[in-house]
């Protein structure tokens, strides 16, 4: 299963790499999903990695969209950490996923 998922991600990166090189959000999502799939060995890890990667890519953009993504990431980190603490999960992981989701939402709503 791990080989198949990793192979699919690498193949998709090779096929659509030039198109994704333009957008930092999409590139971050692809790199984060790959790292999550390799490190966590599950679909949940790949999705979490994609969210964190996409948020990071959005926050690294210049201009108004990047500024909105950074503000959304800050709010998302606080909300994610709080939700993780209340449910008994890892606060750092909750903050990372919350920041990623907040960054993507901040960019999208701008």
Protein backbone atom coordinates (compact mmCIF):
# COMPACT_ATOMS: atom_id res chain seq x y z
CA UNK A 1 0.00 0.00 0.00
CA UNK A 2 2.79 2.40 0.92
CA UNK A 3 4.63 1.74 -2.34
CA UNK A 4 1.50 2.24 -4.40
CA UNK A 5 0.56 5.54 -2.72
CA UNK A 6 4.11 6.87 -2.94
CA UNK A 7 4.34 5.83 -6.60
CA UNK A 8 1.08 7.60 -7.44
CA UNK A 9 2.20 10.79 -5.71
CA UNK A 10 5.59 10.77 -7.44
CA UNK A 11 4.01 10.06 -10.83
CA UNK A 12 1.53 12.90 -10.40
CA UNK A 13 4.35 15.22 -9.36
CA UNK A 14 6.28 14.38 -12.51
CA UNK A 15 3.28 14.82 -14.78
CA UNK A 16 2.01 18.11 -13.39
CA UNK A 17 5.17 19.50 -11.84
CA UNK A 18 5.66 22.40 -14.28
CA UNK A 19 2.07 23.56 -13.78
CA UNK A 20 2.38 23.41 -10.00
CA UNK A 21 5.68 25.26 -9.95
CA UNK A 22 3.78 28.47 -10.58
CA UNK A 23 1.53 28.25 -7.51
CA UNK A 24 3.15 27.97 -4.08
CA UNK A 25 -0.04 26.66 -2.45
CA UNK A 26 -0.36 23.70 -4.81
CA UNK A 27 3.35 22.94 -4.63
CA UNK A 28 3.24 22.99 -0.82
CA UNK A 29 0.21 20.69 -0.81
CA UNK A 30 1.95 18.17 -3.05
CA UNK A 31 5.18 18.22 -1.06
CA UNK A 32 3.31 18.02 2.25
CA UNK A 33 1.20 15.08 1.07
CA UNK A 34 4.32 13.26 -0.06
CA UNK A 35 6.08 13.86 3.26
CA UNK A 36 2.99 12.84 5.23
CA UNK A 37 2.53 9.66 3.21
CA UNK A 38 6.14 8.62 3.61
CA UNK A 39 6.44 9.52 7.30
CA UNK A 40 3.00 8.50 8.55
CA UNK A 41 2.23 5.61 6.20
CA UNK A 42 -1.50 6.39 6.07
CA UNK A 43 -4.00 8.43 4.12
CA UNK A 44 -4.72 10.55 7.20
CA UNK A 45 -1.05 11.50 7.43
CA UNK A 46 -0.96 12.39 3.74
CA UNK A 47 -4.03 14.61 4.07
CA UNK A 48 -2.63 16.34 7.16
CA UNK A 49 0.65 16.90 5.36
CA UNK A 50 -1.16 18.33 2.36
CA UNK A 51 -3.08 20.79 4.55
CA UNK A 52 0.06 21.94 6.35
CA UNK A 53 2.00 22.18 3.08
CA UNK A 54 -0.71 24.13 1.29
CA UNK A 55 -1.02 26.55 4.20
CA UNK A 56 2.73 27.05 4.30
CA UNK A 57 2.83 27.70 0.57
CA UNK A 58 0.00 30.20 0.85
CA UNK A 59 1.73 32.02 3.70
CA UNK A 60 4.94 32.33 1.70
CA UNK A 61 3.21 34.27 -1.06
CA UNK A 62 3.92 37.96 -1.43
CA UNK A 63 1.34 40.71 -1.42
CA UNK A 64 -2.17 40.85 -0.05
CA UNK A 65 -2.92 37.14 -0.50
CA UNK A 66 0.15 36.16 1.53
CA UNK A 67 -0.71 38.66 4.23
CA UNK A 68 -4.26 37.31 4.46
CA UNK A 69 -2.93 33.75 4.58
CA UNK A 70 -0.53 34.63 7.41
CA UNK A 71 -3.34 36.22 9.43
CA UNK A 72 -5.55 33.18 8.81
CA UNK A 73 -2.70 30.88 9.78
CA UNK A 74 -2.23 32.64 13.10
CA UNK A 75 -5.92 32.35 13.96
CA UNK A 76 -6.01 28.74 12.75
CA UNK A 77 -3.03 27.80 14.90
CA UNK A 78 -4.74 29.08 18.04
CA UNK A 79 -8.02 27.35 17.20
CA UNK A 80 -6.28 24.10 16.25
CA UNK A 81 -4.19 24.04 19.41
CA UNK A 82 -7.24 24.72 21.56
CA UNK A 83 -9.29 22.03 19.86
CA UNK A 84 -6.47 19.51 20.21
CA UNK A 85 -6.03 20.33 23.90
CA UNK A 86 -9.74 19.90 24.58
CA UNK A 87 -9.88 16.54 22.82
CA UNK A 88 -6.68 15.22 24.36
CA UNK A 89 -4.66 15.14 21.14
CA UNK A 90 -1.22 16.58 20.40
CA UNK A 91 -1.34 20.36 20.77
CA UNK A 92 1.57 20.90 18.37
CA UNK A 93 -0.01 18.76 15.67
CA UNK A 94 -3.33 20.55 16.16
CA UNK A 95 -1.62 23.92 15.87
CA UNK A 96 0.19 22.87 12.68
CA UNK A 97 -2.92 21.55 10.96
CA UNK A 98 -4.94 24.54 12.18
CA UNK A 99 -2.36 26.97 10.85
CA UNK A 100 -2.32 25.21 7.50
CA UNK A 101 -6.09 25.22 7.21
CA UNK A 102 -6.29 28.84 8.36
CA UNK A 103 -3.66 29.87 5.84
CA UNK A 104 -5.54 28.29 2.96
CA UNK A 105 -8.84 29.78 4.13
CA UNK A 106 -7.24 33.20 4.59
CA UNK A 107 -5.86 33.11 1.06
CA UNK A 108 -9.13 31.88 -0.42
CA UNK A 109 -11.31 34.48 1.29
CA UNK A 110 -9.09 37.37 0.27
